[in-house]
Protein backbone atom coordinates (compact mmCIF):
# COMPACT_ATOMS: atom_id res chain seq x y z
CA MET A 1 -56.55 102.42 73.47
CA ILE A 2 -57.27 104.82 76.14
CA GLU A 3 -60.65 106.12 75.89
CA VAL A 4 -62.45 109.36 77.50
CA ARG A 5 -64.13 106.87 79.88
CA HIS A 6 -61.13 105.69 81.15
CA LEU A 7 -60.02 109.36 81.96
CA ARG A 8 -63.29 110.13 83.19
CA ALA A 9 -63.11 106.94 85.70
CA PHE A 10 -59.65 108.14 86.50
CA GLN A 11 -60.63 111.30 87.36
CA ALA A 12 -63.71 110.52 89.85
CA VAL A 13 -61.37 108.13 91.87
CA ALA A 14 -58.61 110.19 92.30
CA GLU A 15 -60.86 113.16 93.36
CA GLU A 16 -63.48 110.72 95.58
CA LEU A 17 -60.40 108.35 96.82
CA SER A 18 -63.45 105.97 96.83
CA PHE A 19 -64.73 103.73 94.26
CA VAL A 20 -68.13 103.77 95.70
CA ARG A 21 -68.40 107.32 95.86
CA ALA A 22 -66.54 107.83 92.19
CA ALA A 23 -69.22 104.91 90.58
CA GLU A 24 -72.13 106.75 92.10
CA ARG A 25 -70.69 110.10 90.73
CA LEU A 26 -70.51 108.65 87.20
CA SER A 27 -73.78 106.72 87.75
CA LEU A 28 -72.01 103.45 87.06
CA ALA A 29 -71.63 99.94 88.62
CA GLN A 30 -68.83 99.65 91.00
CA PRO A 31 -67.52 96.42 89.60
CA ALA A 32 -67.58 98.25 85.67
CA LEU A 33 -65.58 101.12 87.46
CA SER A 34 -62.69 98.85 89.05
CA ARG A 35 -62.80 97.34 85.76
CA THR A 36 -61.97 100.44 83.99
CA ILE A 37 -59.39 101.65 86.32
CA LYS A 38 -57.38 98.40 86.17
CA ASP A 39 -57.55 98.20 81.95
CA LEU A 40 -56.55 102.15 82.15
CA GLU A 41 -53.13 100.94 84.54
CA VAL A 42 -52.65 97.83 82.26
CA GLN A 43 -52.59 99.93 79.32
CA MET A 44 -50.32 102.48 80.63
CA SER A 45 -48.24 100.09 82.40
CA VAL A 46 -48.26 102.32 85.66
CA GLN A 47 -50.02 101.75 88.92
CA LEU A 48 -52.36 104.89 89.84
CA PHE A 49 -53.94 103.88 93.03
CA GLU A 50 -53.05 101.48 95.87
CA ARG A 51 -55.93 99.64 97.30
CA SER A 52 -56.73 97.96 100.55
CA THR A 53 -60.00 96.53 101.83
CA ARG A 54 -60.77 99.78 103.44
CA THR A 55 -58.71 102.71 101.84
CA VAL A 56 -57.69 104.01 98.22
CA THR A 57 -54.56 106.07 98.01
CA ILE A 58 -53.40 107.78 95.01
CA THR A 59 -49.58 106.93 94.05
CA ALA A 60 -47.20 109.61 93.05
CA ALA A 61 -47.78 108.73 89.31
CA GLY A 62 -51.24 108.96 90.07
CA ARG A 63 -50.99 112.63 91.18
CA LEU A 64 -48.87 113.87 88.23
CA PHE A 65 -51.48 112.05 85.90
CA HIS A 66 -54.34 113.36 87.81
CA ASN A 67 -52.88 117.06 86.79
CA SER A 68 -52.37 116.35 83.32
CA VAL A 69 -55.76 114.97 82.90
CA ASN A 70 -57.10 117.96 84.30
CA GLU A 71 -55.30 119.95 82.07
CA LEU A 72 -56.42 117.96 78.85
CA PHE A 73 -60.20 118.13 79.92
CA ALA A 74 -59.85 121.86 80.86
CA SER A 75 -58.42 122.22 76.77
CA LEU A 76 -60.93 119.82 75.28
CA ALA A 77 -63.39 122.20 77.02
CA THR A 78 -61.87 125.21 75.60
CA ALA A 79 -61.79 123.57 72.30
CA ILE A 80 -65.48 122.59 72.20
CA SER A 81 -66.27 126.26 73.02
CA GLN A 82 -64.33 127.56 70.68
CA ALA A 83 -65.89 125.15 67.69
CA GLN A 84 -69.23 126.04 68.84
CA GLN A 85 -68.18 129.77 68.84
CA ALA A 86 -66.78 129.34 65.32
CA GLN A 87 -70.30 127.76 64.24
CA LYS A 88 -72.02 130.52 65.12
CA GLY A 89 -69.72 133.11 63.66
CA VAL A 90 -68.45 135.08 66.54
CA ALA A 91 -64.84 133.44 66.67
CA GLY A 92 -62.21 132.26 64.37
CA GLU A 93 -60.41 133.83 61.00
CA LEU A 94 -61.30 136.46 58.46
CA ARG A 95 -58.86 137.07 55.59
CA VAL A 96 -59.50 140.37 54.00
CA GLY A 97 -57.78 141.76 51.06
CA TYR A 98 -57.61 145.55 49.86
CA ASN A 99 -56.35 148.15 47.88
CA ASP A 100 -55.15 151.37 48.71
CA PHE A 101 -58.45 153.33 47.78
CA ALA A 102 -60.29 150.95 50.21
CA MET A 103 -57.88 151.65 52.96
CA ASN A 104 -58.30 155.25 52.30
CA GLY A 105 -62.09 155.14 52.26
CA LEU A 106 -64.50 152.85 54.32
CA LEU A 107 -62.19 149.81 55.21
CA PRO A 108 -60.80 150.93 58.47
CA MET A 109 -64.36 151.81 59.71
CA ILE A 110 -65.75 148.36 58.61
CA VAL A 111 -62.91 146.41 60.29
CA ARG A 112 -62.77 148.55 63.54
CA ARG A 113 -66.97 148.10 63.83
CA PHE A 114 -66.47 144.53 63.28
CA ARG A 115 -63.88 143.80 65.53
CA SER A 116 -65.69 145.66 68.16
CA GLU A 117 -68.89 143.24 67.74
CA TYR A 118 -66.89 140.28 67.18
CA PRO A 119 -63.54 140.52 69.37
CA MET A 120 -62.73 136.79 69.42
CA VAL A 121 -62.64 137.16 65.48
CA SER A 122 -58.99 137.69 64.04
CA VAL A 123 -58.97 139.95 61.04
CA TRP A 124 -56.23 139.20 58.85
CA LEU A 125 -55.61 142.18 56.09
CA GLY A 126 -53.92 141.93 53.34
CA GLN A 127 -52.64 144.41 50.29
CA VAL A 128 -53.30 142.59 46.85
CA PRO A 129 -53.56 143.90 43.27
CA SER A 130 -57.27 144.25 42.18
CA PRO A 131 -57.39 141.29 39.54
CA GLU A 132 -55.12 138.85 41.76
CA MET A 133 -57.96 139.55 44.55
CA VAL A 134 -60.80 138.01 42.91
CA ARG A 135 -58.67 134.68 41.90
CA HIS A 136 -57.65 134.50 45.39
CA ILE A 137 -61.55 134.68 46.73
CA GLU A 138 -62.20 131.83 43.73
CA GLN A 139 -59.48 129.95 45.33
CA GLY A 140 -60.26 130.11 48.88
CA LYS A 141 -57.28 132.18 49.98
CA LEU A 142 -59.54 135.50 50.72
CA ASP A 143 -62.81 135.36 52.52
CA ALA A 144 -63.50 138.86 51.08
CA ALA A 145 -62.03 141.56 49.24
CA PHE A 146 -62.13 145.30 48.79
CA HIS A 147 -61.14 145.89 44.87
CA MET A 148 -61.72 147.79 41.84
CA GLY A 149 -64.69 146.85 39.76
CA PRO A 150 -66.01 145.16 37.87
CA VAL A 151 -65.89 141.55 38.32
CA VAL A 152 -66.61 139.20 35.93
CA ALA A 153 -66.19 135.69 37.85
CA SER A 154 -69.52 134.05 38.17
CA SER A 155 -68.46 132.21 41.44
CA VAL A 156 -67.54 135.82 43.00
CA GLU A 157 -70.43 138.04 44.50
CA SER A 158 -69.84 141.75 45.19
CA ILE A 159 -71.60 144.90 46.81
CA LEU A 160 -70.79 148.47 45.80
CA VAL A 161 -68.79 150.04 48.29
CA ARG A 162 -67.72 153.51 46.78
CA ASP A 163 -68.42 154.87 43.47
CA GLU A 164 -65.73 157.97 42.78
CA GLN A 165 -65.19 160.43 40.46
CA LEU A 166 -61.49 161.49 39.29
CA LEU A 167 -60.36 164.83 40.14
CA VAL A 168 -56.52 166.40 39.29
CA VAL A 169 -54.14 166.74 42.16
CA VAL A 170 -51.43 169.30 41.43
CA PRO A 171 -48.56 170.87 43.42
CA ASP A 172 -50.15 173.98 45.57
CA SER A 173 -47.83 176.21 43.35
CA HIS A 174 -48.70 174.93 40.17
CA PRO A 175 -50.86 177.41 38.21
CA LEU A 176 -53.48 174.83 37.62
CA ALA A 177 -54.09 174.96 41.22
CA LYS A 178 -55.76 178.30 40.94
CA LYS A 179 -58.28 176.85 38.69
CA GLU A 180 -61.88 175.67 39.28
CA THR A 181 -61.73 173.17 36.86
CA ILE A 182 -59.40 171.49 34.66
CA ARG A 183 -59.59 170.58 30.89
CA PRO A 184 -58.03 167.21 30.49
CA SER A 185 -56.12 168.50 27.39
CA GLU A 186 -54.26 170.97 30.09
CA LEU A 187 -52.51 167.97 31.42
CA ALA A 188 -51.10 166.82 27.94
CA ASN A 189 -47.54 168.64 28.71
CA GLU A 190 -47.58 167.72 32.54
CA LYS A 191 -45.19 165.22 33.80
CA PHE A 192 -47.39 162.49 35.69
CA VAL A 193 -46.67 160.46 39.08
CA MET A 194 -48.45 157.26 39.28
CA GLY A 195 -48.99 154.07 41.19
CA ARG A 196 -46.48 151.11 40.13
CA ARG A 197 -47.78 149.74 37.23
CA ASP A 198 -47.32 145.71 38.59
CA THR A 199 -49.78 146.82 41.74
CA TRP A 200 -51.86 149.60 39.92
CA ARG A 201 -52.69 147.83 36.54
CA GLN A 202 -56.28 148.37 36.35
CA PHE A 203 -56.16 151.99 37.71
CA HIS A 204 -53.08 152.53 35.05
CA GLN A 205 -55.51 151.46 32.22
CA VAL A 206 -58.69 153.75 33.37
CA ILE A 207 -56.00 156.68 33.46
CA VAL A 208 -54.09 156.00 30.26
CA GLY A 209 -57.54 155.19 28.24
CA PHE A 210 -58.89 158.59 29.61
CA CYS A 211 -56.00 160.76 28.57
CA ARG A 212 -55.86 158.85 25.28
CA ALA A 213 -59.38 159.58 24.43
CA ALA A 214 -58.32 163.44 25.53
CA GLY A 215 -55.81 163.36 22.66
CA PHE A 216 -52.52 162.55 24.29
CA ASP A 217 -50.22 160.06 26.32
CA ILE A 218 -49.32 160.50 30.04
CA ASP A 219 -45.56 160.73 30.50
CA ILE A 220 -45.05 159.02 33.75
CA VAL A 221 -41.72 160.28 35.39
CA GLN A 222 -42.18 158.39 39.01
CA GLU A 223 -44.09 155.59 40.43
CA SER A 224 -44.92 155.38 44.17
CA LEU A 225 -46.11 151.64 45.78
CA ASN A 226 -49.17 153.25 47.73
CA SER A 227 -51.59 156.61 47.79
CA ASP A 228 -49.55 158.47 50.31
CA GLY A 229 -46.26 157.95 48.16
CA ILE A 230 -48.28 159.23 45.42
CA ILE A 231 -49.79 162.33 46.89
CA GLY A 232 -46.49 163.05 48.59
CA LEU A 233 -44.66 162.82 44.99
CA VAL A 234 -46.85 165.60 43.78
CA ALA A 235 -46.81 167.65 47.04
CA ALA A 236 -42.88 167.65 46.25
CA GLY A 237 -43.40 168.96 42.80
CA LEU A 238 -42.17 166.18 40.95
CA GLY A 239 -45.48 165.96 38.84
CA VAL A 240 -49.49 165.67 38.67
CA THR A 241 -51.94 162.92 39.05
CA LEU A 242 -55.52 161.71 38.35
CA TYR A 243 -56.86 160.41 41.87
CA VAL A 244 -60.22 159.50 43.31
CA ASP A 245 -62.04 162.42 44.92
CA SER A 246 -61.15 161.59 48.77
CA ASP A 247 -61.83 163.71 51.68
CA TRP A 248 -58.40 163.48 52.77
CA LEU A 249 -56.89 164.84 49.74
CA TYR A 250 -58.22 168.36 50.99
CA THR A 251 -56.57 168.04 54.27
CA THR A 252 -52.96 167.55 52.59
CA ARG A 253 -50.57 169.99 52.90
CA GLY A 254 -48.34 170.94 49.53
CA ILE A 255 -51.50 170.09 46.61
CA SER A 256 -54.23 170.92 45.58
CA ALA A 257 -57.62 168.75 44.28
CA VAL A 258 -59.31 170.35 41.42
CA PRO A 259 -62.11 168.82 39.74
CA LEU A 260 -62.28 167.79 36.03
CA ASP A 261 -64.41 169.92 33.63
CA ARG A 262 -66.58 167.13 32.43
CA VAL A 263 -67.54 163.35 33.92
CA GLY A 264 -64.36 161.17 33.93
CA PRO A 265 -64.58 157.40 34.40
CA ARG A 266 -66.16 156.40 37.34
CA ILE A 267 -63.89 154.45 39.75
CA GLU A 268 -65.82 151.58 41.58
CA THR A 269 -64.72 150.07 44.60
CA LEU A 270 -66.32 146.79 45.23
CA LEU A 271 -66.78 144.41 48.53
CA SER A 272 -66.55 140.81 46.92
CA TRP A 273 -66.86 137.36 48.39
CA LYS A 274 -67.18 133.51 46.79
CA ARG A 275 -70.95 132.53 46.28
CA GLY A 276 -71.82 130.14 49.24
CA GLY A 277 -75.32 130.06 49.83
CA ASP A 278 -76.06 127.92 52.80
CA GLN A 279 -72.49 127.28 52.87
CA GLN A 280 -71.36 130.54 53.54
CA SER A 281 -69.51 131.20 56.72
CA PRO A 282 -71.15 132.78 59.86
CA THR A 283 -68.42 134.77 60.19
CA LEU A 284 -68.15 136.10 56.42
CA GLN A 285 -71.92 137.01 56.81
CA HIS A 286 -71.48 139.21 59.99
CA PHE A 287 -68.65 140.95 58.35
CA LEU A 288 -71.06 141.43 55.20
CA ARG A 289 -73.86 142.71 57.38
CA ILE A 290 -71.52 145.08 59.03
CA ALA A 291 -69.83 146.40 55.86
CA ALA A 292 -73.58 146.98 54.38
CA GLU A 293 -74.57 149.19 57.32
CA VAL A 294 -71.37 151.42 57.14
CA VAL A 295 -71.50 151.55 53.52
CA ALA A 296 -75.53 153.10 53.76
CA GLU A 297 -74.87 155.44 56.65
CA GLU A 298 -71.71 156.96 54.54
CA GLY A 299 -74.15 157.11 51.64
CA VAL A 300 -76.41 159.16 53.95
CA ASN A 301 -73.48 160.76 55.40
CA ARG A 302 -72.12 162.05 52.06
CA ARG A 303 -75.57 163.10 50.91
CA LYS A 304 -76.10 165.41 53.86
CA LYS A 305 -72.72 166.68 53.20
CA THR A 306 -73.57 167.38 49.08
CA LEU A 307 -76.70 169.20 50.46
CA MET A 308 -75.01 171.43 53.34
CA SER A 309 -72.50 172.40 50.58
CA HIS A 310 -75.45 173.47 48.01
CA LEU A 311 -77.31 175.51 50.63
CA ALA A 312 -74.10 177.40 51.86
CA GLY A 313 -73.58 178.25 48.26
CA PRO A 314 -70.63 179.05 46.21
CA GLY A 315 -67.72 180.21 48.28
CA SER A 316 -68.63 178.94 51.40
């Protein structure tokens, strides 16, 4: 078999065109170097050098082989460097699942900061229903996921990213749009637009349970695949919805976001990953660190915003 020692020996002789100088360069005895080159030529069935008592000349086949050997060693050096970078967690791939609430929340900020600090890591983002994300983490299909809580899998660890309350979203021309708060019972006769049941199943269960506790079953007239579609249907006047309290709602045309008159169910967004201890990927550790930093900063910013709102007083 051709080994790296054969290729190193060939490279040295091809570049020095001298067995003496090549042997010195490799710290080998000249007879050992000569045997290595002869062994390589026999294994390849190719004459790489023409030798005389005074000169060494590389053959045409040898020149072509030399170019390929140089490329091979360059590729090997790159592969070694990439493996070293991956072990440090600064290169490689990260597979992250998400739901709509995360994409309209902190996920873009977290990923943007992570890619800025670790540009050699390829980040794959995939939208997956929340219950399936936990299974994908357990199966190793995802490294991390942003999803609705809670998590019951003992092999999965989580941190709370957002804890949001529900509010009512209605067309801005709707009579309820002018109210300061809305009682859940006031929605009993309304047409609802919601996320698709197959992908929003967990959120559906929360909303249906909340409305039943208020004494009615919701009448769903249309469903959408994502948040933009849901809110767009409300803006088009096709119905109302219950959604998490998000900043982007207040700048969306055609709708009004009105608080409920009581505390409803809280919607938790979790960041989860598989328990790994010392075996946990360094790349994932970097991602979790950045996520924790962004979550902490966002918590401070939200508290500041709330404080400023209270200081400004009503009607500000």
